[in-house]
N, C-alpha and C. Protein backbone atom coordinates (compact mmCIF):
# COMPACT_ATOMS: atom_id res chain seq x y z
N VAL A 1 20.13 2.99 23.13
CA VAL A 1 19.04 2.19 22.62
C VAL A 1 19.26 1.96 21.12
N ILE A 2 19.26 0.71 20.73
CA ILE A 2 19.40 0.35 19.31
C ILE A 2 18.01 0.18 18.73
N MET A 3 17.76 0.91 17.65
CA MET A 3 16.45 0.83 17.00
C MET A 3 16.53 -0.12 15.82
N GLU A 4 15.46 -0.82 15.60
CA GLU A 4 15.37 -1.69 14.43
C GLU A 4 15.36 -0.83 13.17
N PRO A 5 15.96 -1.30 12.07
CA PRO A 5 15.94 -0.52 10.82
C PRO A 5 14.53 -0.44 10.25
N LEU A 6 14.28 0.62 9.49
CA LEU A 6 13.00 0.76 8.82
C LEU A 6 12.90 -0.22 7.67
N LYS A 7 11.71 -0.71 7.42
CA LYS A 7 11.42 -1.58 6.29
C LYS A 7 10.26 -0.96 5.54
N SER A 8 10.01 -1.45 4.35
CA SER A 8 8.87 -0.91 3.59
C SER A 8 8.05 -2.05 3.00
N LYS A 9 6.79 -1.77 2.82
CA LYS A 9 5.86 -2.69 2.16
C LYS A 9 5.07 -1.83 1.19
N ILE A 10 5.05 -2.24 -0.09
CA ILE A 10 4.39 -1.46 -1.13
C ILE A 10 3.22 -2.25 -1.69
N PHE A 11 2.07 -1.62 -1.69
CA PHE A 11 0.86 -2.18 -2.29
C PHE A 11 0.56 -1.32 -3.51
N SER A 12 0.46 -1.93 -4.68
CA SER A 12 0.20 -1.17 -5.90
C SER A 12 -0.89 -1.88 -6.70
N TYR A 13 -1.84 -1.11 -7.19
CA TYR A 13 -2.98 -1.68 -7.90
C TYR A 13 -3.29 -0.85 -9.13
N CYS A 14 -3.51 -1.50 -10.25
CA CYS A 14 -4.01 -0.86 -11.46
C CYS A 14 -5.38 -1.47 -11.73
N THR A 15 -6.35 -0.62 -11.95
CA THR A 15 -7.70 -1.13 -12.12
C THR A 15 -8.56 -0.14 -12.90
N THR A 16 -9.57 -0.64 -13.54
CA THR A 16 -10.58 0.22 -14.16
C THR A 16 -11.77 0.37 -13.23
N ASN A 17 -11.75 -0.34 -12.12
CA ASN A 17 -12.80 -0.28 -11.11
C ASN A 17 -12.42 0.79 -10.08
N ILE A 18 -13.34 1.61 -9.68
CA ILE A 18 -13.05 2.68 -8.73
C ILE A 18 -12.73 2.14 -7.34
N ASN A 19 -13.15 0.90 -7.02
CA ASN A 19 -12.89 0.31 -5.72
C ASN A 19 -12.00 -0.93 -5.85
N PRO A 20 -10.70 -0.75 -5.97
CA PRO A 20 -9.81 -1.92 -6.10
C PRO A 20 -9.77 -2.74 -4.82
N PRO A 21 -9.28 -3.98 -4.91
CA PRO A 21 -9.24 -4.86 -3.73
C PRO A 21 -8.10 -4.52 -2.78
N GLY A 22 -7.44 -3.40 -3.00
CA GLY A 22 -6.28 -3.03 -2.19
C GLY A 22 -6.55 -2.92 -0.72
N GLU A 23 -7.70 -2.38 -0.35
CA GLU A 23 -8.02 -2.21 1.06
C GLU A 23 -8.06 -3.55 1.77
N LEU A 24 -8.65 -4.55 1.13
CA LEU A 24 -8.73 -5.88 1.73
C LEU A 24 -7.35 -6.50 1.88
N GLN A 25 -6.51 -6.37 0.85
CA GLN A 25 -5.16 -6.93 0.92
C GLN A 25 -4.31 -6.20 1.95
N LEU A 26 -4.46 -4.89 2.03
CA LEU A 26 -3.72 -4.11 3.02
C LEU A 26 -4.14 -4.51 4.43
N ASN A 27 -5.44 -4.60 4.66
CA ASN A 27 -5.92 -5.00 5.99
C ASN A 27 -5.47 -6.40 6.36
N GLN A 28 -5.47 -7.32 5.38
CA GLN A 28 -5.03 -8.69 5.64
C GLN A 28 -3.55 -8.70 6.02
N TRP A 29 -2.72 -7.93 5.29
CA TRP A 29 -1.29 -7.89 5.60
C TRP A 29 -1.06 -7.32 6.99
N LEU A 30 -1.80 -6.27 7.36
CA LEU A 30 -1.65 -5.69 8.70
C LEU A 30 -2.07 -6.69 9.77
N GLU A 31 -3.13 -7.44 9.52
CA GLU A 31 -3.58 -8.45 10.47
C GLU A 31 -2.53 -9.55 10.65
N GLU A 32 -1.85 -9.90 9.56
CA GLU A 32 -0.83 -10.95 9.61
C GLU A 32 0.48 -10.46 10.23
N ASN A 33 0.63 -9.15 10.40
CA ASN A 33 1.87 -8.57 10.92
C ASN A 33 1.59 -7.64 12.09
N PRO A 34 1.02 -8.17 13.19
CA PRO A 34 0.64 -7.31 14.31
C PRO A 34 1.84 -6.75 15.08
N GLU A 35 3.03 -7.28 14.84
CA GLU A 35 4.20 -6.87 15.61
C GLU A 35 4.90 -5.64 15.04
N ILE A 36 4.32 -5.01 14.03
CA ILE A 36 4.99 -3.86 13.41
C ILE A 36 4.52 -2.54 14.02
N GLU A 37 5.40 -1.56 13.90
CA GLU A 37 5.08 -0.18 14.25
C GLU A 37 5.14 0.61 12.95
N ILE A 38 4.01 1.14 12.51
CA ILE A 38 3.99 1.93 11.28
C ILE A 38 4.55 3.31 11.59
N VAL A 39 5.57 3.69 10.83
CA VAL A 39 6.26 4.96 11.04
C VAL A 39 5.70 6.04 10.12
N HIS A 40 5.37 5.66 8.88
CA HIS A 40 4.88 6.64 7.91
C HIS A 40 4.11 5.91 6.81
N VAL A 41 3.09 6.57 6.27
CA VAL A 41 2.30 6.03 5.18
C VAL A 41 2.32 7.03 4.03
N LEU A 42 2.63 6.55 2.83
CA LEU A 42 2.62 7.38 1.64
C LEU A 42 1.60 6.82 0.67
N GLN A 43 0.88 7.71 -0.02
CA GLN A 43 -0.09 7.26 -1.01
C GLN A 43 0.09 8.10 -2.26
N SER A 44 0.06 7.44 -3.41
CA SER A 44 0.09 8.18 -4.68
C SER A 44 -0.94 7.55 -5.61
N GLU A 45 -1.49 8.40 -6.46
CA GLU A 45 -2.52 7.96 -7.39
C GLU A 45 -2.26 8.59 -8.75
N SER A 46 -2.57 7.85 -9.78
CA SER A 46 -2.51 8.40 -11.13
C SER A 46 -3.58 7.72 -11.96
N MET A 47 -3.93 8.37 -13.06
CA MET A 47 -4.92 7.81 -13.97
C MET A 47 -4.41 7.94 -15.39
N THR A 48 -4.82 6.99 -16.21
CA THR A 48 -4.45 7.00 -17.61
C THR A 48 -5.57 6.35 -18.41
N VAL A 49 -5.56 6.56 -19.69
CA VAL A 49 -6.52 5.89 -20.57
C VAL A 49 -5.78 4.73 -21.23
N HIS A 50 -6.32 3.54 -21.05
CA HIS A 50 -5.72 2.32 -21.60
C HIS A 50 -6.81 1.56 -22.33
N LYS A 51 -6.64 1.35 -23.62
CA LYS A 51 -7.64 0.67 -24.44
C LYS A 51 -9.02 1.31 -24.28
N GLU A 52 -9.02 2.64 -24.34
CA GLU A 52 -10.23 3.46 -24.28
C GLU A 52 -10.97 3.38 -22.95
N LYS A 53 -10.31 2.90 -21.92
CA LYS A 53 -10.90 2.87 -20.58
C LYS A 53 -9.99 3.65 -19.63
N LEU A 54 -10.61 4.30 -18.67
CA LEU A 54 -9.85 5.01 -17.66
C LEU A 54 -9.30 3.99 -16.67
N GLU A 55 -7.98 4.02 -16.48
CA GLU A 55 -7.33 3.08 -15.57
C GLU A 55 -6.71 3.86 -14.42
N ARG A 56 -6.97 3.40 -13.24
CA ARG A 56 -6.48 4.05 -12.02
C ARG A 56 -5.33 3.24 -11.45
N ASN A 57 -4.28 3.92 -11.03
CA ASN A 57 -3.15 3.29 -10.37
C ASN A 57 -3.05 3.87 -8.97
N LEU A 58 -3.12 3.02 -7.98
CA LEU A 58 -3.02 3.44 -6.59
C LEU A 58 -1.85 2.71 -5.96
N THR A 59 -0.96 3.47 -5.34
CA THR A 59 0.18 2.87 -4.64
C THR A 59 0.19 3.37 -3.20
N ILE A 60 0.26 2.44 -2.28
CA ILE A 60 0.38 2.76 -0.86
C ILE A 60 1.68 2.16 -0.36
N THR A 61 2.50 2.98 0.25
CA THR A 61 3.77 2.53 0.80
C THR A 61 3.75 2.71 2.30
N LEU A 62 4.03 1.64 3.01
CA LEU A 62 4.13 1.69 4.47
C LEU A 62 5.60 1.62 4.86
N LEU A 63 6.05 2.55 5.66
CA LEU A 63 7.37 2.46 6.27
C LEU A 63 7.12 1.98 7.69
N TYR A 64 7.78 0.90 8.06
CA TYR A 64 7.49 0.31 9.36
C TYR A 64 8.76 -0.23 10.00
N ARG A 65 8.61 -0.55 11.25
CA ARG A 65 9.72 -1.11 12.03
C ARG A 65 9.13 -2.26 12.82
N LEU A 66 9.91 -3.31 12.99
CA LEU A 66 9.49 -4.40 13.85
C LEU A 66 9.54 -3.92 15.29
N ALA A 67 8.42 -4.05 15.98
CA ALA A 67 8.35 -3.53 17.36
C ALA A 67 9.00 -4.48 18.34
């Protein structure tokens, strides 16, 4: 059996808002790509102060294969 190679899709957001639009964009991408098999999901978060405001960076990486 030959398996399709793994691919990745990275969603990254920097925001001063605690609720970035990432969830909507992630859901839209998943809806547009129903033929994928998600193999693994990675999430990382960091915060920094930028121009005296707390800035949040959220990165979600999907490892997937075309089903």
